[in-house]
């Protein structure tokens, strides 16, 4: 049974979506949503490191 996780609707311009797709293919990530999740985690980790 699938778990209920929050979902977010996000609208992107073509250039940003292409950059995400490039990252996805270069890192052999099968799903776009997983690529976006990894990018967000990395960005937030870097942000938190800068704050400290």
C-alpha atoms as a PDB file:
ATOM      1  CA  UNK A   1       0.000   0.000   0.000  1.00  0.00           C
ATOM      2  CA  UNK A   2       1.365   3.408  -0.962  1.00  0.00           C
ATOM      3  CA  UNK A   3       1.966   5.947   1.767  1.00  0.00           C
ATOM      4  CA  UNK A   4       0.216   9.306   1.700  1.00  0.00           C
ATOM      5  CA  UNK A   5       2.838  11.982   1.131  1.00  0.00           C
ATOM      6  CA  UNK A   6       2.243  15.652   0.431  1.00  0.00           C
ATOM      7  CA  UNK A   7       2.187  16.559  -3.240  1.00  0.00           C
ATOM      8  CA  UNK A   8       3.200  19.899  -4.702  1.00  0.00           C
ATOM      9  CA  UNK A   9       2.240  21.331  -8.072  1.00  0.00           C
ATOM     10  CA  UNK A  10       5.135  23.258  -9.607  1.00  0.00           C
ATOM     11  CA  UNK A  11       5.189  25.254 -12.822  1.00  0.00           C
ATOM     12  CA  UNK A  12       8.581  25.643 -14.517  1.00  0.00           C
ATOM     13  CA  UNK A  13       9.770  27.473 -17.581  1.00  0.00           C
ATOM     14  CA  UNK A  14      11.219  25.451 -20.456  1.00  0.00           C
ATOM     15  CA  UNK A  15      14.842  26.358 -19.683  1.00  0.00           C
ATOM     16  CA  UNK A  16      14.685  25.261 -16.049  1.00  0.00           C
ATOM     17  CA  UNK A  17      12.906  22.034 -16.961  1.00  0.00           C
ATOM     18  CA  UNK A  18      15.589  21.291 -19.549  1.00  0.00           C
ATOM     19  CA  UNK A  19      18.293  21.816 -16.914  1.00  0.00           C
ATOM     20  CA  UNK A  20      16.513  19.413 -14.569  1.00  0.00           C
ATOM     21  CA  UNK A  21      16.170  16.856 -17.350  1.00  0.00           C
ATOM     22  CA  UNK A  22      19.896  17.188 -18.169  1.00  0.00           C
ATOM     23  CA  UNK A  23      20.747  16.564 -14.499  1.00  0.00           C
ATOM     24  CA  UNK A  24      18.382  13.601 -14.449  1.00  0.00           C
ATOM     25  CA  UNK A  25      19.896  11.918 -17.505  1.00  0.00           C
ATOM     26  CA  UNK A  26      23.506  12.659 -16.505  1.00  0.00           C
ATOM     27  CA  UNK A  27      22.882  11.029 -13.118  1.00  0.00           C
ATOM     28  CA  UNK A  28      20.763   8.180 -14.496  1.00  0.00           C
ATOM     29  CA  UNK A  29      17.797   9.042 -12.298  1.00  0.00           C
ATOM     30  CA  UNK A  30      14.717   7.238 -13.618  1.00  0.00           C
ATOM     31  CA  UNK A  31      12.064   9.703 -12.423  1.00  0.00           C
ATOM     32  CA  UNK A  32      11.876  13.464 -12.887  1.00  0.00           C
ATOM     33  CA  UNK A  33      10.348  13.868  -9.422  1.00  0.00           C
ATOM     34  CA  UNK A  34      13.292  12.047  -7.832  1.00  0.00           C
ATOM     35  CA  UNK A  35      15.755  14.275  -9.674  1.00  0.00           C
ATOM     36  CA  UNK A  36      13.921  17.346  -8.426  1.00  0.00           C
ATOM     37  CA  UNK A  37      13.825  15.966  -4.874  1.00  0.00           C
ATOM     38  CA  UNK A  38      17.599  15.371  -4.908  1.00  0.00           C
ATOM     39  CA  UNK A  39      18.266  18.852  -6.263  1.00  0.00           C
ATOM     40  CA  UNK A  40      16.101  20.389  -3.547  1.00  0.00           C
ATOM     41  CA  UNK A  41      17.775  18.374  -0.785  1.00  0.00           C
ATOM     42  CA  UNK A  42      21.239  19.389  -2.036  1.00  0.00           C
ATOM     43  CA  UNK A  43      20.232  23.052  -2.315  1.00  0.00           C
ATOM     44  CA  UNK A  44      18.731  23.098   1.170  1.00  0.00           C
ATOM     45  CA  UNK A  45      21.761  21.326   2.653  1.00  0.00           C
ATOM     46  CA  UNK A  46      24.049  23.934   1.063  1.00  0.00           C
ATOM     47  CA  UNK A  47      21.798  26.735   2.289  1.00  0.00           C
ATOM     48  CA  UNK A  48      21.903  25.405   5.856  1.00  0.00           C
ATOM     49  CA  UNK A  49      25.704  25.069   5.744  1.00  0.00           C
ATOM     50  CA  UNK A  50      26.020  28.711   4.659  1.00  0.00           C
ATOM     51  CA  UNK A  51      23.764  29.829   7.511  1.00  0.00           C
ATOM     52  CA  UNK A  52      25.975  28.207  10.145  1.00  0.00           C
END
